[in-house]
Structures are given as C-alpha cells and as structure tokens.
Amino acid sequence: MVVVGLVLLIACANVANLLLARSNSRGREFGVRLALGAARGRLIRQLLVENSISAPFGGGLGMCLSYLGSYGLVRLLSTTQNQVFLDVRPDGRILTFTAAISGRLQHAPVGSGWGTGWVR
C-alpha cells in the first residue's frame, strides 16, 4: 500500500507540474483578456471548469489503463510452456483513492493561476 501511495504521489506531482506549465504558457492569453476588461474571477472560473472537466477524465483513463496494463503484463510474462497465474487486478481501495485524488485535483491552486503569479 505504501508503494502505491508513493507512486500516486509522484503522479500527482507530475500532473501539478503539467498544470503549472500549461498555466504558464497561457500567461499572454490571460494578459490580453485582462487588458480587454475580463474580470479575474471570470478567468479563474474558466480555469476551474477546464480542470474539473480534464481531471475526472484523466483519472478514469488511468483506471482503464491500470486494468488493461495489469492483464497485458501477465500475458507478456506468460508463455505456452510456462503459464503465469497472478491476480493483478487493481484494488478497489486504490481505485477509490485515485478517483478522490483526481476529483480533488480540479481545485489545485496551480491549475487555477495562483501558481504562476498572474492572479493576485
């Protein structure tokens, strides 16, 4: 369980880094929108909506890939002469934790612009 938690922590740090890079690259776009009169709250709402759409889809895609990857790994290790019988199904507790993390990720400050400094 500890190893799974550490892997999920590393994955969350990578996603936060990707959100920070995306937010950083959109700085010019939001600068133009602010100059044209858009309210900061409206820009923050836009980013929260984008993150609330992308985070659950990313978590769901990760869960699907975990099922496919576990069965693919067993097939890769098995041969006709040496069958490998492993129960590598993802645990329900781990999938619940992953769903909770991906749902909570949508409210990460780094994805909402606070990490880049253009929202004060």
PDB file of N, CA and C in Angstrom:
ATOM      1  N   MET A   1       0.817  -1.196   0.000  1.00  0.00           N
ATOM      2  CA  MET A   1       0.000   0.000   0.000  1.00  0.00           C
ATOM      3  C   MET A   1       0.860   1.260   0.000  1.00  0.00           C
ATOM      4  N   VAL A   2       1.973   1.209   0.707  1.00  0.00           N
ATOM      5  CA  VAL A   2       2.844   2.380   0.795  1.00  0.00           C
ATOM      6  C   VAL A   2       3.450   2.700  -0.567  1.00  0.00           C
ATOM      7  N   VAL A   3       3.847   1.664  -1.282  1.00  0.00           N
ATOM      8  CA  VAL A   3       4.445   1.868  -2.604  1.00  0.00           C
ATOM      9  C   VAL A   3       3.415   2.483  -3.556  1.00  0.00           C
ATOM     10  N   VAL A   4       2.176   2.008  -3.480  1.00  0.00           N
ATOM     11  CA  VAL A   4       1.128   2.561  -4.333  1.00  0.00           C
ATOM     12  C   VAL A   4       0.899   4.026  -3.998  1.00  0.00           C
ATOM     13  N   GLY A   5       0.888   4.345  -2.711  1.00  0.00           N
ATOM     14  CA  GLY A   5       0.727   5.732  -2.302  1.00  0.00           C
ATOM     15  C   GLY A   5       1.847   6.619  -2.799  1.00  0.00           C
ATOM     16  N   LEU A   6       3.079   6.105  -2.764  1.00  0.00           N
ATOM     17  CA  LEU A   6       4.211   6.886  -3.264  1.00  0.00           C
ATOM     18  C   LEU A   6       4.142   7.087  -4.774  1.00  0.00           C
ATOM     19  N   VAL A   7       3.726   6.058  -5.490  1.00  0.00           N
ATOM     20  CA  VAL A   7       3.583   6.194  -6.939  1.00  0.00           C
ATOM     21  C   VAL A   7       2.489   7.206  -7.278  1.00  0.00           C
ATOM     22  N   LEU A   8       1.375   7.160  -6.537  1.00  0.00           N
ATOM     23  CA  LEU A   8       0.311   8.132  -6.771  1.00  0.00           C
ATOM     24  C   LEU A   8       0.764   9.542  -6.415  1.00  0.00           C
ATOM     25  N   LEU A   9       1.578   9.673  -5.376  1.00  0.00           N
ATOM     26  CA  LEU A   9       2.104  10.988  -5.009  1.00  0.00           C
ATOM     27  C   LEU A   9       2.998  11.541  -6.114  1.00  0.00           C
ATOM     28  N   ILE A  10       3.832  10.701  -6.688  1.00  0.00           N
ATOM     29  CA  ILE A  10       4.697  11.126  -7.791  1.00  0.00           C
ATOM     30  C   ILE A  10       3.852  11.510  -9.010  1.00  0.00           C
ATOM     31  N   ALA A  11       2.813  10.718  -9.284  1.00  0.00           N
ATOM     32  CA  ALA A  11       1.942  11.031 -10.418  1.00  0.00           C
ATOM     33  C   ALA A  11       1.221  12.358 -10.201  1.00  0.00           C
ATOM     34  N   CYS A  12       0.772  12.608  -8.977  1.00  0.00           N
ATOM     35  CA  CYS A  12       0.092  13.882  -8.693  1.00  0.00           C
ATOM     36  C   CYS A  12       1.052  15.059  -8.834  1.00  0.00           C
ATOM     37  N   ALA A  13       2.299  14.871  -8.417  1.00  0.00           N
ATOM     38  CA  ALA A  13       3.289  15.938  -8.582  1.00  0.00           C
ATOM     39  C   ALA A  13       3.550  16.206 -10.056  1.00  0.00           C
ATOM     40  N   ASN A  14       3.581  15.155 -10.867  1.00  0.00           N
ATOM     41  CA  ASN A  14       3.770  15.336 -12.313  1.00  0.00           C
ATOM     42  C   ASN A  14       2.590  16.068 -12.944  1.00  0.00           C
ATOM     43  N   VAL A  15       1.386  15.730 -12.527  1.00  0.00           N
ATOM     44  CA  VAL A  15       0.209  16.410 -13.064  1.00  0.00           C
ATOM     45  C   VAL A  15       0.197  17.875 -12.642  1.00  0.00           C
ATOM     46  N   ALA A  16       0.562  18.143 -11.397  1.00  0.00           N
ATOM     47  CA  ALA A  16       0.629  19.531 -10.937  1.00  0.00           C
ATOM     48  C   ALA A  16       1.665  20.311 -11.740  1.00  0.00           C
ATOM     49  N   ASN A  17       2.774  19.674 -12.059  1.00  0.00           N
ATOM     50  CA  ASN A  17       3.798  20.318 -12.879  1.00  0.00           C
ATOM     51  C   ASN A  17       3.273  20.605 -14.284  1.00  0.00           C
ATOM     52  N   LEU A  18       2.518  19.665 -14.856  1.00  0.00           N
ATOM     53  CA  LEU A  18       1.934  19.893 -16.177  1.00  0.00           C
ATOM     54  C   LEU A  18       0.922  21.035 -16.153  1.00  0.00           C
ATOM     55  N   LEU A  19       0.108  21.104 -15.093  1.00  0.00           N
ATOM     56  CA  LEU A  19      -0.852  22.197 -14.972  1.00  0.00           C
ATOM     57  C   LEU A  19      -0.146  23.536 -14.825  1.00  0.00           C
ATOM     58  N   LEU A  20       0.947  23.546 -14.085  1.00  0.00           N
ATOM     59  CA  LEU A  20       1.714  24.778 -13.920  1.00  0.00           C
ATOM     60  C   LEU A  20       2.323  25.221 -15.247  1.00  0.00           C
ATOM     61  N   ALA A  21       2.852  24.277 -16.008  1.00  0.00           N
ATOM     62  CA  ALA A  21       3.432  24.615 -17.311  1.00  0.00           C
ATOM     63  C   ALA A  21       2.361  25.116 -18.271  1.00  0.00           C
ATOM     64  N   ARG A  22       1.194  24.494 -18.255  1.00  0.00           N
ATOM     65  CA  ARG A  22       0.105  24.934 -19.128  1.00  0.00           C
ATOM     66  C   ARG A  22      -0.365  26.331 -18.745  1.00  0.00           C
ATOM     67  N   SER A  23      -0.479  26.557 -17.447  1.00  0.00           N
ATOM     68  CA  SER A  23      -0.910  27.873 -16.976  1.00  0.00           C
ATOM     69  C   SER A  23       0.137  28.934 -17.291  1.00  0.00           C
ATOM     70  N   ASN A  24       1.395  28.569 -17.207  1.00  0.00           N
ATOM     71  CA  ASN A  24       2.476  29.494 -17.528  1.00  0.00           C
ATOM     72  C   ASN A  24       2.475  29.851 -19.008  1.00  0.00           C
ATOM     73  N   SER A  25       2.211  28.876 -19.851  1.00  0.00           N
ATOM     74  CA  SER A  25       2.224  29.135 -21.284  1.00  0.00           C
ATOM     75  C   SER A  25       1.018  29.959 -21.729  1.00  0.00           C
ATOM     76  N   ARG A  26      -0.037  29.975 -20.925  1.00  0.00           N
ATOM     77  CA  ARG A  26      -1.220  30.747 -21.272  1.00  0.00           C
ATOM     78  C   ARG A  26      -1.203  32.140 -20.649  1.00  0.00           C
ATOM     79  N   GLY A  27      -0.080  32.539 -20.089  1.00  0.00           N
ATOM     80  CA  GLY A  27       0.025  33.839 -19.437  1.00  0.00           C
ATOM     81  C   GLY A  27      -0.263  35.001 -20.370  1.00  0.00           C
ATOM     82  N   ARG A  28       0.227  34.920 -21.590  1.00  0.00           N
ATOM     83  CA  ARG A  28      -0.004  36.004 -22.562  1.00  0.00           C
ATOM     84  C   ARG A  28      -1.494  36.093 -22.917  1.00  0.00           C
ATOM     85  N   GLU A  29      -2.110  34.948 -23.106  1.00  0.00           N
ATOM     86  CA  GLU A  29      -3.548  34.927 -23.417  1.00  0.00           C
ATOM     87  C   GLU A  29      -4.358  35.601 -22.314  1.00  0.00           C
ATOM     88  N   PHE A  30      -4.059  35.258 -21.067  1.00  0.00           N
ATOM     89  CA  PHE A  30      -4.815  35.839 -19.964  1.00  0.00           C
ATOM     90  C   PHE A  30      -4.442  37.301 -19.742  1.00  0.00           C
ATOM     91  N   GLY A  31      -3.221  37.668 -20.085  1.00  0.00           N
ATOM     92  CA  GLY A  31      -2.842  39.080 -20.019  1.00  0.00           C
ATOM     93  C   GLY A  31      -3.665  39.915 -20.993  1.00  0.00           C
ATOM     94  N   VAL A  32      -3.870  39.389 -22.196  1.00  0.00           N
ATOM     95  CA  VAL A  32      -4.689  40.086 -23.187  1.00  0.00           C
ATOM     96  C   VAL A  32      -6.141  40.157 -22.723  1.00  0.00           C
ATOM     97  N   ARG A  33      -6.644  39.070 -22.156  1.00  0.00           N
ATOM     98  CA  ARG A  33      -8.029  39.076 -21.674  1.00  0.00           C
ATOM     99  C   ARG A  33      -8.211  40.074 -20.535  1.00  0.00           C
ATOM    100  N   LEU A  34      -7.220  40.151 -19.644  1.00  0.00           N
ATOM    101  CA  LEU A  34      -7.304  41.131 -18.555  1.00  0.00           C
ATOM    102  C   LEU A  34      -7.245  42.549 -19.103  1.00  0.00           C
ATOM    103  N   ALA A  35      -6.406  42.772 -20.122  1.00  0.00           N
ATOM    104  CA  ALA A  35      -6.294  44.103 -20.715  1.00  0.00           C
ATOM    105  C   ALA A  35      -7.578  44.519 -21.431  1.00  0.00           C
ATOM    106  N   LEU A  36      -8.293  43.541 -21.948  1.00  0.00           N
ATOM    107  CA  LEU A  36      -9.553  43.839 -22.632  1.00  0.00           C
ATOM    108  C   LEU A  36     -10.722  44.006 -21.664  1.00  0.00           C
ATOM    109  N   GLY A  37     -10.477  43.769 -20.375  1.00  0.00           N
ATOM    110  CA  GLY A  37     -11.511  44.023 -19.386  1.00  0.00           C
ATOM    111  C   GLY A  37     -12.150  42.816 -18.749  1.00  0.00           C
ATOM    112  N   ALA A  38     -11.602  41.651 -18.956  1.00  0.00           N
ATOM    113  CA  ALA A  38     -12.163  40.464 -18.312  1.00  0.00           C
ATOM    114  C   ALA A  38     -11.850  40.504 -16.820  1.00  0.00           C
ATOM    115  N   ALA A  39     -12.808  40.092 -16.021  1.00  0.00           N
ATOM    116  CA  ALA A  39     -12.608  40.069 -14.572  1.00  0.00           C
ATOM    117  C   ALA A  39     -11.749  38.866 -14.192  1.00  0.00           C
ATOM    118  N   ARG A  40     -10.942  39.033 -13.159  1.00  0.00           N
ATOM    119  CA  ARG A  40     -10.082  37.930 -12.707  1.00  0.00           C
ATOM    120  C   ARG A  40     -10.908  36.734 -12.258  1.00  0.00           C
ATOM    121  N   GLY A  41     -12.037  37.008 -11.624  1.00  0.00           N
ATOM    122  CA  GLY A  41     -12.899  35.915 -11.178  1.00  0.00           C
ATOM    123  C   GLY A  41     -13.412  35.076 -12.336  1.00  0.00           C
ATOM    124  N   ARG A  42     -13.698  35.731 -13.435  1.00  0.00           N
ATOM    125  CA  ARG A  42     -14.184  35.001 -14.616  1.00  0.00           C
ATOM    126  C   ARG A  42     -13.087  34.110 -15.195  1.00  0.00           C
ATOM    127  N   LEU A  43     -11.852  34.607 -15.198  1.00  0.00           N
ATOM    128  CA  LEU A  43     -10.737  33.797 -15.697  1.00  0.00           C
ATOM    129  C   LEU A  43     -10.470  32.615 -14.772  1.00  0.00           C
ATOM    130  N   ILE A  44     -10.590  32.843 -13.467  1.00  0.00           N
ATOM    131  CA  ILE A  44     -10.394  31.747 -12.516  1.00  0.00           C
ATOM    132  C   ILE A  44     -11.485  30.703 -12.690  1.00  0.00           C
ATOM    133  N   ARG A  45     -12.722  31.154 -12.888  1.00  0.00           N
ATOM    134  CA  ARG A  45     -13.817  30.198 -13.129  1.00  0.00           C
ATOM    135  C   ARG A  45     -13.567  29.392 -14.390  1.00  0.00           C
ATOM    136  N   GLN A  46     -13.040  30.024 -15.429  1.00  0.00           N
ATOM    137  CA  GLN A  46     -12.753  29.305 -16.668  1.00  0.00           C
ATOM    138  C   GLN A  46     -11.726  28.202 -16.415  1.00  0.00           C
ATOM    139  N   LEU A  47     -10.687  28.522 -15.680  1.00  0.00           N
ATOM    140  CA  LEU A  47      -9.666  27.513 -15.394  1.00  0.00           C
ATOM    141  C   LEU A  47     -10.213  26.399 -14.510  1.00  0.00           C
ATOM    142  N   LEU A  48     -11.052  26.739 -13.548  1.00  0.00           N
ATOM    143  CA  LEU A  48     -11.641  25.704 -12.698  1.00  0.00           C
ATOM    144  C   LEU A  48     -12.550  24.781 -13.500  1.00  0.00           C
ATOM    145  N   VAL A  49     -13.293  25.336 -14.443  1.00  0.00           N
ATOM    146  CA  VAL A  49     -14.147  24.496 -15.292  1.00  0.00           C
ATOM    147  C   VAL A  49     -13.286  23.583 -16.163  1.00  0.00           C
ATOM    148  N   GLU A  50     -12.218  24.126 -16.735  1.00  0.00           N
ATOM    149  CA  GLU A  50     -11.332  23.303 -17.558  1.00  0.00           C
ATOM    150  C   GLU A  50     -10.727  22.169 -16.737  1.00  0.00           C
ATOM    151  N   ASN A  51     -10.291  22.487 -15.523  1.00  0.00           N
ATOM    152  CA  ASN A  51      -9.693  21.452 -14.680  1.00  0.00           C
ATOM    153  C   ASN A  51     -10.733  20.449 -14.201  1.00  0.00           C
ATOM    154  N   SER A  52     -11.953  20.913 -13.933  1.00  0.00           N
ATOM    155  CA  SER A  52     -12.979  19.979 -13.462  1.00  0.00           C
ATOM    156  C   SER A  52     -13.436  19.043 -14.574  1.00  0.00           C
ATOM    157  N   ILE A  53     -13.201  19.411 -15.814  1.00  0.00           N
ATOM    158  CA  ILE A  53     -13.510  18.509 -16.929  1.00  0.00           C
ATOM    159  C   ILE A  53     -12.347  17.552 -17.175  1.00  0.00           C
ATOM    160  N   SER A  54     -11.125  18.066 -17.140  1.00  0.00           N
ATOM    161  CA  SER A  54      -9.977  17.231 -17.501  1.00  0.00           C
ATOM    162  C   SER A  54      -9.548  16.279 -16.388  1.00  0.00           C
ATOM    163  N   ALA A  55      -9.684  16.651 -15.132  1.00  0.00           N
ATOM    164  CA  ALA A  55      -9.207  15.794 -14.037  1.00  0.00           C
ATOM    165  C   ALA A  55      -9.976  14.477 -13.937  1.00  0.00           C
ATOM    166  N   PRO A  56     -11.313  14.469 -13.926  1.00  0.00           N
ATOM    167  CA  PRO A  56     -12.005  13.173 -13.859  1.00  0.00           C
ATOM    168  C   PRO A  56     -11.773  12.296 -15.091  1.00  0.00           C
ATOM    169  N   PHE A  57     -11.667  12.925 -16.267  1.00  0.00           N
ATOM    170  CA  PHE A  57     -11.373  12.116 -17.453  1.00  0.00           C
ATOM    171  C   PHE A  57      -9.983  11.499 -17.361  1.00  0.00           C
ATOM    172  N   GLY A  58      -9.023  12.253 -16.854  1.00  0.00           N
ATOM    173  CA  GLY A  58      -7.678  11.703 -16.676  1.00  0.00           C
ATOM    174  C   GLY A  58      -7.654  10.576 -15.661  1.00  0.00           C
ATOM    175  N   GLY A  59      -8.388  10.739 -14.568  1.00  0.00           N
ATOM    176  CA  GLY A  59      -8.466   9.666 -13.572  1.00  0.00           C
ATOM    177  C   GLY A  59      -9.137   8.425 -14.120  1.00  0.00           C
ATOM    178  N   GLY A  60     -10.217   8.611 -14.878  1.00  0.00           N
ATOM    179  CA  GLY A  60     -10.899   7.469 -15.485  1.00  0.00           C
ATOM    180  C   GLY A  60     -10.038   6.755 -16.507  1.00  0.00           C
ATOM    181  N   LEU A  61      -9.298   7.538 -17.291  1.00  0.00           N
ATOM    182  CA  LEU A  61      -8.390   6.942 -18.269  1.00  0.00           C
ATOM    183  C   LEU A  61      -7.285   6.154 -17.560  1.00  0.00           C
ATOM    184  N   GLY A  62      -6.788   6.695 -16.459  1.00  0.00           N
ATOM    185  CA  GLY A  62      -5.771   5.983 -15.684  1.00  0.00           C
ATOM    186  C   GLY A  62      -6.292   4.676 -15.111  1.00  0.00           C
ATOM    187  N   MET A  63      -7.546   4.680 -14.650  1.00  0.00           N
ATOM    188  CA  MET A  63      -8.131   3.443 -14.129  1.00  0.00           C
ATOM    189  C   MET A  63      -8.296   2.399 -15.226  1.00  0.00           C
ATOM    190  N   CYS A  64      -8.749   2.829 -16.401  1.00  0.00           N
ATOM    191  CA  CYS A  64      -8.888   1.892 -17.519  1.00  0.00           C
ATOM    192  C   CYS A  64      -7.532   1.324 -17.932  1.00  0.00           C
ATOM    193  N   LEU A  65      -6.522   2.182 -17.977  1.00  0.00           N
ATOM    194  CA  LEU A  65      -5.187   1.712 -18.342  1.00  0.00           C
ATOM    195  C   LEU A  65      -4.610   0.776 -17.288  1.00  0.00           C
ATOM    196  N   SER A  66      -4.989   0.958 -16.020  1.00  0.00           N
ATOM    197  CA  SER A  66      -4.482   0.047 -14.991  1.00  0.00           C
ATOM    198  C   SER A  66      -5.046  -1.354 -15.190  1.00  0.00           C
ATOM    199  N   TYR A  67      -6.326  -1.457 -15.553  1.00  0.00           N
ATOM    200  CA  TYR A  67      -6.900  -2.776 -15.837  1.00  0.00           C
ATOM    201  C   TYR A  67      -6.239  -3.410 -17.054  1.00  0.00           C
ATOM    202  N   LEU A  68      -6.146  -2.655 -18.132  1.00  0.00           N
ATOM    203  CA  LEU A  68      -5.556  -3.206 -19.351  1.00  0.00           C
ATOM    204  C   LEU A  68      -4.080  -3.536 -19.167  1.00  0.00           C
ATOM    205  N   GLY A  69      -3.364  -2.676 -18.477  1.00  0.00           N
ATOM    206  CA  GLY A  69      -1.933  -2.900 -18.261  1.00  0.00           C
ATOM    207  C   GLY A  69      -1.642  -4.105 -17.393  1.00  0.00           C
ATOM    208  N   SER A  70      -2.477  -4.330 -16.372  1.00  0.00           N
ATOM    209  CA  SER A  70      -2.229  -5.479 -15.499  1.00  0.00           C
ATOM    210  C   SER A  70      -2.439  -6.789 -16.242  1.00  0.00           C
ATOM    211  N   TYR A  71      -3.501  -6.861 -17.042  1.00  0.00           N
ATOM    212  CA  TYR A  71      -3.716  -8.088 -17.807  1.00  0.00           C
ATOM    213  C   TYR A  71      -2.689  -8.238 -18.927  1.00  0.00           C
ATOM    214  N   GLY A  72      -2.291  -7.151 -19.520  1.00  0.00           N
ATOM    215  CA  GLY A  72      -1.248  -7.214 -20.547  1.00  0.00           C
ATOM    216  C   GLY A  72       0.086  -7.650 -19.990  1.00  0.00           C
ATOM    217  N   LEU A  73       0.400  -7.234 -18.774  1.00  0.00           N
ATOM    218  CA  LEU A  73       1.650  -7.642 -18.142  1.00  0.00           C
ATOM    219  C   LEU A  73       1.679  -9.142 -17.879  1.00  0.00           C
ATOM    220  N   VAL A  74       0.577  -9.691 -17.417  1.00  0.00           N
ATOM    221  CA  VAL A  74       0.516 -11.137 -17.173  1.00  0.00           C
ATOM    222  C   VAL A  74       0.645 -11.897 -18.489  1.00  0.00           C
ATOM    223  N   ARG A  75      -0.007 -11.420 -19.529  1.00  0.00           N
ATOM    224  CA  ARG A  75       0.117 -12.085 -20.834  1.00  0.00           C
ATOM    225  C   ARG A  75       1.533 -12.001 -21.386  1.00  0.00           C
ATOM    226  N   LEU A  76       2.199 -10.883 -21.134  1.00  0.00           N
ATOM    227  CA  LEU A  76       3.563 -10.706 -21.607  1.00  0.00           C
ATOM    228  C   LEU A  76       4.517 -11.662 -20.894  1.00  0.00           C
ATOM    229  N   LEU A  77       4.278 -11.885 -19.620  1.00  0.00           N
ATOM    230  CA  LEU A  77       5.142 -12.774 -18.845  1.00  0.00           C
ATOM    231  C   LEU A  77       4.853 -14.249 -19.090  1.00  0.00           C
ATOM    232  N   SER A  78       3.659 -14.573 -19.521  1.00  0.00           N
ATOM    233  CA  SER A  78       3.277 -15.972 -19.730  1.00  0.00           C
ATOM    234  C   SER A  78       3.749 -16.464 -21.085  1.00  0.00           C
ATOM    235  N   THR A  79       4.134 -17.705 -21.108  1.00  0.00           N
ATOM    236  CA  THR A  79       4.461 -18.392 -22.359  1.00  0.00           C
ATOM    237  C   THR A  79       3.606 -19.648 -22.434  1.00  0.00           C
ATOM    238  N   THR A  80       3.671 -20.344 -23.559  1.00  0.00           N
ATOM    239  CA  THR A  80       2.864 -21.552 -23.690  1.00  0.00           C
ATOM    240  C   THR A  80       3.367 -22.659 -22.765  1.00  0.00           C
ATOM    241  N   GLN A  81       4.671 -22.694 -22.512  1.00  0.00           N
ATOM    242  CA  GLN A  81       5.211 -23.726 -21.637  1.00  0.00           C
ATOM    243  C   GLN A  81       5.202 -23.316 -20.166  1.00  0.00           C
ATOM    244  N   ASN A  82       5.236 -22.024 -19.895  1.00  0.00           N
ATOM    245  CA  ASN A  82       5.308 -21.549 -18.519  1.00  0.00           C
ATOM    246  C   ASN A  82       4.200 -20.518 -18.295  1.00  0.00           C
ATOM    247  N   GLN A  83       3.045 -20.992 -17.851  1.00  0.00           N
ATOM    248  CA  GLN A  83       1.914 -20.115 -17.597  1.00  0.00           C
ATOM    249  C   GLN A  83       2.111 -19.380 -16.273  1.00  0.00           C
ATOM    250  N   VAL A  84       1.837 -18.100 -16.292  1.00  0.00           N
ATOM    251  CA  VAL A  84       1.917 -17.282 -15.078  1.00  0.00           C
ATOM    252  C   VAL A  84       0.502 -16.983 -14.626  1.00  0.00           C
ATOM    253  N   PHE A  85       0.198 -17.364 -13.391  1.00  0.00           N
ATOM    254  CA  PHE A  85      -1.118 -17.105 -12.824  1.00  0.00           C
ATOM    255  C   PHE A  85      -0.961 -16.108 -11.684  1.00  0.00           C
ATOM    256  N   LEU A  86      -1.243 -14.862 -11.972  1.00  0.00           N
ATOM    257  CA  LEU A  86      -1.169 -13.802 -10.971  1.00  0.00           C
ATOM    258  C   LEU A  86      -2.495 -13.063 -10.930  1.00  0.00           C
ATOM    259  N   ASP A  87      -2.895 -12.713  -9.740  1.00  0.00           N
ATOM    260  CA  ASP A  87      -4.080 -11.884  -9.587  1.00  0.00           C
ATOM    261  C   ASP A  87      -3.605 -10.437  -9.458  1.00  0.00           C
ATOM    262  N   VAL A  88      -3.579  -9.734 -10.561  1.00  0.00           N
ATOM    263  CA  VAL A  88      -3.053  -8.366 -10.581  1.00  0.00           C
ATOM    264  C   VAL A  88      -4.158  -7.341 -10.809  1.00  0.00           C
ATOM    265  N   ARG A  89      -5.373  -7.717 -10.436  1.00  0.00           N
ATOM    266  CA  ARG A  89      -6.462  -6.748 -10.571  1.00  0.00           C
ATOM    267  C   ARG A  89      -6.219  -5.564  -9.636  1.00  0.00           C
ATOM    268  N   PRO A  90      -6.520  -4.371 -10.096  1.00  0.00           N
ATOM    269  CA  PRO A  90      -6.383  -3.211  -9.209  1.00  0.00           C
ATOM    270  C   PRO A  90      -7.348  -3.311  -8.028  1.00  0.00           C
ATOM    271  N   ASP A  91      -6.869  -2.915  -6.871  1.00  0.00           N
ATOM    272  CA  ASP A  91      -7.636  -2.979  -5.639  1.00  0.00           C
ATOM    273  C   ASP A  91      -8.689  -1.870  -5.628  1.00  0.00           C
ATOM    274  N   GLY A  92      -9.858  -2.170  -5.111  1.00  0.00           N
ATOM    275  CA  GLY A  92     -10.937  -1.184  -5.050  1.00  0.00           C
ATOM    276  C   GLY A  92     -10.591   0.023  -4.191  1.00  0.00           C
ATOM    277  N   ARG A  93      -9.837  -0.202  -3.109  1.00  0.00           N
ATOM    278  CA  ARG A  93      -9.440   0.922  -2.254  1.00  0.00           C
ATOM    279  C   ARG A  93      -8.507   1.870  -2.996  1.00  0.00           C
ATOM    280  N   ILE A  94      -7.609   1.313  -3.790  1.00  0.00           N
ATOM    281  CA  ILE A  94      -6.673   2.139  -4.551  1.00  0.00           C
ATOM    282  C   ILE A  94      -7.419   2.929  -5.625  1.00  0.00           C
ATOM    283  N   LEU A  95      -8.377   2.280  -6.294  1.00  0.00           N
ATOM    284  CA  LEU A  95      -9.151   2.976  -7.318  1.00  0.00           C
ATOM    285  C   LEU A  95     -10.016   4.083  -6.708  1.00  0.00           C
ATOM    286  N   THR A  96     -10.557   3.844  -5.518  1.00  0.00           N
ATOM    287  CA  THR A  96     -11.335   4.882  -4.833  1.00  0.00           C
ATOM    288  C   THR A  96     -10.447   6.057  -4.466  1.00  0.00           C
ATOM    289  N   PHE A  97      -9.252   5.756  -3.967  1.00  0.00           N
ATOM    290  CA  PHE A  97      -8.313   6.820  -3.621  1.00  0.00           C
ATOM    291  C   PHE A  97      -7.908   7.615  -4.864  1.00  0.00           C
ATOM    292  N   THR A  98      -7.686   6.925  -5.968  1.00  0.00           N
ATOM    293  CA  THR A  98      -7.322   7.596  -7.216  1.00  0.00           C
ATOM    294  C   THR A  98      -8.464   8.484  -7.713  1.00  0.00           C
ATOM    295  N   ALA A  99      -9.691   8.003  -7.607  1.00  0.00           N
ATOM    296  CA  ALA A  99     -10.839   8.813  -8.021  1.00  0.00           C
ATOM    297  C   ALA A  99     -10.976  10.045  -7.136  1.00  0.00           C
ATOM    298  N   ALA A 100     -10.716   9.885  -5.836  1.00  0.00           N
ATOM    299  CA  ALA A 100     -10.801  11.038  -4.935  1.00  0.00           C
ATOM    300  C   ALA A 100      -9.715  12.055  -5.242  1.00  0.00           C
ATOM    301  N   ILE A 101      -8.510  11.576  -5.544  1.00  0.00           N
ATOM    302  CA  ILE A 101      -7.415  12.485  -5.874  1.00  0.00           C
ATOM    303  C   ILE A 101      -7.700  13.221  -7.181  1.00  0.00           C
ATOM    304  N   SER A 102      -8.183  12.509  -8.190  1.00  0.00           N
ATOM    305  CA  SER A 102      -8.445  13.171  -9.473  1.00  0.00           C
ATOM    306  C   SER A 102      -9.613  14.131  -9.364  1.00  0.00           C
ATOM    307  N   GLY A 103     -10.579  13.851  -8.509  1.00  0.00           N
ATOM    308  CA  GLY A 103     -11.667  14.789  -8.295  1.00  0.00           C
ATOM    309  C   GLY A 103     -11.226  16.016  -7.531  1.00  0.00           C
ATOM    310  N   ARG A 104     -10.290  15.840  -6.620  1.00  0.00           N
ATOM    311  CA  ARG A 104      -9.784  16.956  -5.817  1.00  0.00           C
ATOM    312  C   ARG A 104      -8.775  17.786  -6.599  1.00  0.00           C
ATOM    313  N   LEU A 105      -8.167  17.192  -7.597  1.00  0.00           N
ATOM    314  CA  LEU A 105      -7.142  17.881  -8.369  1.00  0.00           C
ATOM    315  C   LEU A 105      -7.693  19.088  -9.116  1.00  0.00           C
ATOM    316  N   GLN A 106      -8.984  19.069  -9.380  1.00  0.00           N
ATOM    317  CA  GLN A 106      -9.568  20.181 -10.112  1.00  0.00           C
ATOM    318  C   GLN A 106      -9.513  21.481  -9.330  1.00  0.00           C
ATOM    319  N   HIS A 107      -9.342  21.413  -8.028  1.00  0.00           N
ATOM    320  CA  HIS A 107      -9.287  22.619  -7.220  1.00  0.00           C
ATOM    321  C   HIS A 107      -7.860  22.991  -6.841  1.00  0.00           C
ATOM    322  N   ALA A 108      -6.898  22.405  -7.525  1.00  0.00           N
ATOM    323  CA  ALA A 108      -5.500  22.698  -7.213  1.00  0.00           C
ATOM    324  C   ALA A 108      -5.180  24.145  -7.578  1.00  0.00           C
ATOM    325  N   PRO A 109      -4.543  24.880  -6.672  1.00  0.00           N
ATOM    326  CA  PRO A 109      -4.236  26.274  -6.958  1.00  0.00           C
ATOM    327  C   PRO A 109      -3.317  26.444  -8.153  1.00  0.00           C
ATOM    328  N   VAL A 110      -2.467  25.462  -8.406  1.00  0.00           N
ATOM    329  CA  VAL A 110      -1.537  25.595  -9.519  1.00  0.00           C
ATOM    330  C   VAL A 110      -2.278  25.584 -10.847  1.00  0.00           C
ATOM    331  N   GLY A 111      -3.410  24.899 -10.925  1.00  0.00           N
ATOM    332  CA  GLY A 111      -4.177  24.864 -12.160  1.00  0.00           C
ATOM    333  C   GLY A 111      -5.086  26.061 -12.322  1.00  0.00           C
ATOM    334  N   SER A 112      -5.213  26.842 -11.277  1.00  0.00           N
ATOM    335  CA  SER A 112      -6.121  27.988 -11.336  1.00  0.00           C
ATOM    336  C   SER A 112      -5.409  29.305 -11.511  1.00  0.00           C
ATOM    337  N   GLY A 113      -4.130  29.293 -11.672  1.00  0.00           N
ATOM    338  CA  GLY A 113      -3.415  30.526 -11.947  1.00  0.00           C
ATOM    339  C   GLY A 113      -2.656  31.100 -10.779  1.00  0.00           C
ATOM    340  N   TRP A 114      -2.900  30.632  -9.557  1.00  0.00           N
ATOM    341  CA  TRP A 114      -2.191  31.201  -8.410  1.00  0.00           C
ATOM    342  C   TRP A 114      -0.712  30.828  -8.437  1.00  0.00           C
ATOM    343  N   GLY A 115      -0.398  29.681  -9.031  1.00  0.00           N
ATOM    344  CA  GLY A 115       0.990  29.255  -9.067  1.00  0.00           C
ATOM    345  C   GLY A 115       1.866  30.055 -10.021  1.00  0.00           C
ATOM    346  N   THR A 116       1.254  30.742 -10.955  1.00  0.00           N
ATOM    347  CA  THR A 116       2.051  31.480 -11.949  1.00  0.00           C
ATOM    348  C   THR A 116       2.184  32.941 -11.618  1.00  0.00           C
ATOM    349  N   GLY A 117       1.399  33.443 -10.695  1.00  0.00           N
ATOM    350  CA  GLY A 117       1.532  34.827 -10.275  1.00  0.00           C
ATOM    351  C   GLY A 117       0.676  35.811 -11.037  1.00  0.00           C
ATOM    352  N   TRP A 118      -0.088  35.395 -12.038  1.00  0.00           N
ATOM    353  CA  TRP A 118      -0.904  36.365 -12.758  1.00  0.00           C
ATOM    354  C   TRP A 118      -2.228  36.614 -12.080  1.00  0.00           C
ATOM    355  N   VAL A 119      -2.561  35.790 -11.057  1.00  0.00           N
ATOM    356  CA  VAL A 119      -3.738  36.047 -10.246  1.00  0.00           C
ATOM    357  C   VAL A 119      -3.263  36.416  -8.853  1.00  0.00           C
ATOM    358  N   ARG A 120      -3.659  37.595  -8.375  1.00  0.00           N
ATOM    359  CA  ARG A 120      -3.239  38.036  -7.040  1.00  0.00           C
ATOM    360  C   ARG A 120      -4.420  38.118  -6.130  1.00  0.00           C
TER     361      ARG A 120
END
